[in-house]
Amino acid sequence: MAKEKKSFVLRIEKEILDAVEKWASDEFRSTNGQLEWIIVNALKREKRYKKEVEKKES
C-alpha cells in the first residue's frame, strides 16, 4: 500500500534553502527528499515520531 503524502507551501530564507540544496546534492537526494529526511530525523531525535515496525517476512 502506498503511503499518502501531502503537499504544502514552505516559506524559507534563501540562504537556508541554498544550504539545504547543497546538502541534498552532496548526498544525492532531491531538495524535497533532504527536507523530509531532516524533519524525520529531528522528530525521531525528540521522540516525537515512531515509524511503524516493518513486518519481517518468514
N, C-alpha and C. Protein backbone atom coordinates (compact mmCIF):
# COMPACT_ATOMS: atom_id res chain seq x y z
N MET A 1 0.85 -1.18 0.00
CA MET A 1 0.00 0.00 0.00
C MET A 1 0.89 1.24 0.00
N ALA A 2 0.63 2.16 -0.87
CA ALA A 2 1.43 3.37 -0.99
C ALA A 2 1.13 4.33 0.16
N LYS A 3 2.17 5.02 0.62
CA LYS A 3 1.99 5.99 1.70
C LYS A 3 1.38 7.26 1.12
N GLU A 4 0.50 7.85 1.88
CA GLU A 4 -0.11 9.11 1.46
C GLU A 4 0.85 10.25 1.78
N LYS A 5 1.06 11.12 0.83
CA LYS A 5 1.90 12.29 1.04
C LYS A 5 1.06 13.52 0.79
N LYS A 6 1.30 14.55 1.59
CA LYS A 6 0.57 15.81 1.45
C LYS A 6 1.53 16.89 0.98
N SER A 7 1.01 17.81 0.21
CA SER A 7 1.79 18.95 -0.26
C SER A 7 1.45 20.17 0.58
N PHE A 8 2.44 21.06 0.75
CA PHE A 8 2.20 22.32 1.43
C PHE A 8 3.25 23.33 0.98
N VAL A 9 2.96 24.60 1.20
CA VAL A 9 3.87 25.67 0.82
C VAL A 9 4.80 25.93 2.00
N LEU A 10 6.07 26.10 1.71
CA LEU A 10 7.06 26.41 2.74
C LEU A 10 7.76 27.70 2.38
N ARG A 11 7.71 28.65 3.27
CA ARG A 11 8.44 29.90 3.08
C ARG A 11 9.72 29.79 3.87
N ILE A 12 10.84 29.98 3.20
CA ILE A 12 12.13 29.77 3.83
C ILE A 12 13.12 30.80 3.29
N GLU A 13 14.03 31.22 4.14
CA GLU A 13 15.04 32.18 3.70
C GLU A 13 15.91 31.57 2.60
N LYS A 14 16.30 32.40 1.66
CA LYS A 14 17.09 31.94 0.52
C LYS A 14 18.37 31.26 0.95
N GLU A 15 19.04 31.80 1.95
CA GLU A 15 20.31 31.23 2.41
C GLU A 15 20.12 29.83 2.98
N ILE A 16 19.01 29.62 3.69
CA ILE A 16 18.72 28.30 4.25
C ILE A 16 18.43 27.31 3.13
N LEU A 17 17.61 27.73 2.18
CA LEU A 17 17.29 26.85 1.05
C LEU A 17 18.55 26.52 0.25
N ASP A 18 19.41 27.50 0.03
CA ASP A 18 20.66 27.25 -0.69
C ASP A 18 21.49 26.19 0.03
N ALA A 19 21.57 26.29 1.36
CA ALA A 19 22.34 25.32 2.15
C ALA A 19 21.73 23.93 2.06
N VAL A 20 20.39 23.85 2.12
CA VAL A 20 19.71 22.55 2.02
C VAL A 20 19.92 21.95 0.63
N GLU A 21 19.83 22.78 -0.40
CA GLU A 21 20.04 22.29 -1.77
C GLU A 21 21.45 21.75 -1.95
N LYS A 22 22.43 22.42 -1.39
CA LYS A 22 23.82 21.96 -1.48
C LYS A 22 23.99 20.63 -0.74
N TRP A 23 23.42 20.55 0.46
CA TRP A 23 23.48 19.33 1.26
C TRP A 23 22.81 18.19 0.51
N ALA A 24 21.65 18.44 -0.07
CA ALA A 24 20.93 17.42 -0.83
C ALA A 24 21.78 16.93 -2.00
N SER A 25 22.39 17.84 -2.70
CA SER A 25 23.24 17.48 -3.83
C SER A 25 24.42 16.62 -3.38
N ASP A 26 25.02 17.00 -2.26
CA ASP A 26 26.15 16.23 -1.73
C ASP A 26 25.76 14.80 -1.37
N GLU A 27 24.50 14.60 -1.00
CA GLU A 27 24.03 13.27 -0.57
C GLU A 27 23.19 12.58 -1.65
N PHE A 28 23.19 13.14 -2.86
CA PHE A 28 22.46 12.57 -4.00
C PHE A 28 20.97 12.40 -3.71
N ARG A 29 20.39 13.43 -3.08
CA ARG A 29 18.96 13.45 -2.80
C ARG A 29 18.35 14.67 -3.47
N SER A 30 17.04 14.64 -3.64
CA SER A 30 16.33 15.84 -4.09
C SER A 30 16.22 16.78 -2.89
N THR A 31 15.94 18.04 -3.17
CA THR A 31 15.75 19.00 -2.08
C THR A 31 14.58 18.57 -1.21
N ASN A 32 13.50 18.13 -1.83
CA ASN A 32 12.33 17.67 -1.09
C ASN A 32 12.70 16.47 -0.21
N GLY A 33 13.42 15.52 -0.79
CA GLY A 33 13.84 14.34 -0.03
C GLY A 33 14.74 14.70 1.14
N GLN A 34 15.61 15.68 0.94
CA GLN A 34 16.52 16.12 2.00
C GLN A 34 15.73 16.77 3.14
N LEU A 35 14.78 17.64 2.78
CA LEU A 35 13.96 18.28 3.81
C LEU A 35 13.17 17.24 4.60
N GLU A 36 12.61 16.25 3.91
CA GLU A 36 11.88 15.19 4.60
C GLU A 36 12.80 14.42 5.54
N TRP A 37 14.01 14.11 5.07
CA TRP A 37 15.00 13.38 5.88
C TRP A 37 15.36 14.18 7.14
N ILE A 38 15.58 15.50 6.97
CA ILE A 38 15.93 16.37 8.10
C ILE A 38 14.79 16.38 9.12
N ILE A 39 13.57 16.53 8.64
CA ILE A 39 12.41 16.60 9.54
C ILE A 39 12.21 15.28 10.28
N VAL A 40 12.27 14.16 9.57
CA VAL A 40 12.09 12.85 10.21
C VAL A 40 13.16 12.62 11.27
N ASN A 41 14.42 12.93 10.95
CA ASN A 41 15.49 12.74 11.92
C ASN A 41 15.31 13.62 13.16
N ALA A 42 14.87 14.86 12.96
CA ALA A 42 14.62 15.75 14.10
C ALA A 42 13.48 15.21 14.96
N LEU A 43 12.42 14.73 14.32
CA LEU A 43 11.29 14.16 15.07
C LEU A 43 11.70 12.92 15.85
N LYS A 44 12.49 12.05 15.23
CA LYS A 44 12.97 10.85 15.93
C LYS A 44 13.86 11.23 17.11
N ARG A 45 14.76 12.19 16.90
CA ARG A 45 15.68 12.62 17.96
C ARG A 45 14.91 13.14 19.17
N GLU A 46 13.81 13.83 18.93
CA GLU A 46 12.99 14.40 20.00
C GLU A 46 11.90 13.43 20.48
N LYS A 47 11.95 12.19 19.95
CA LYS A 47 10.99 11.14 20.31
C LYS A 47 9.54 11.58 20.07
N ARG A 48 9.34 12.22 18.92
CA ARG A 48 8.00 12.65 18.52
C ARG A 48 7.50 11.91 17.29
N TYR A 49 8.28 10.93 16.84
CA TYR A 49 7.91 10.17 15.64
C TYR A 49 8.37 8.74 15.83
N LYS A 50 7.43 7.81 15.67
CA LYS A 50 7.77 6.40 15.73
C LYS A 50 7.32 5.75 14.44
N LYS A 51 8.26 5.28 13.67
CA LYS A 51 7.93 4.61 12.42
C LYS A 51 7.33 3.25 12.74
N GLU A 52 6.33 2.86 11.95
CA GLU A 52 5.71 1.56 12.14
C GLU A 52 6.76 0.48 12.02
N VAL A 53 6.66 -0.52 12.88
CA VAL A 53 7.59 -1.64 12.81
C VAL A 53 7.28 -2.41 11.53
N GLU A 54 8.33 -2.60 10.73
CA GLU A 54 8.14 -3.32 9.48
C GLU A 54 7.99 -4.81 9.76
N LYS A 55 7.03 -5.41 9.06
CA LYS A 55 6.81 -6.85 9.23
C LYS A 55 7.95 -7.62 8.56
N LYS A 56 8.49 -8.56 9.30
CA LYS A 56 9.55 -9.39 8.74
C LYS A 56 8.91 -10.58 8.04
N GLU A 57 9.43 -10.85 6.84
CA GLU A 57 8.91 -12.00 6.09
C GLU A 57 9.53 -13.27 6.63
N SER A 58 8.72 -14.31 6.77
CA SER A 58 9.20 -15.60 7.29
C SER A 58 9.93 -16.38 6.24
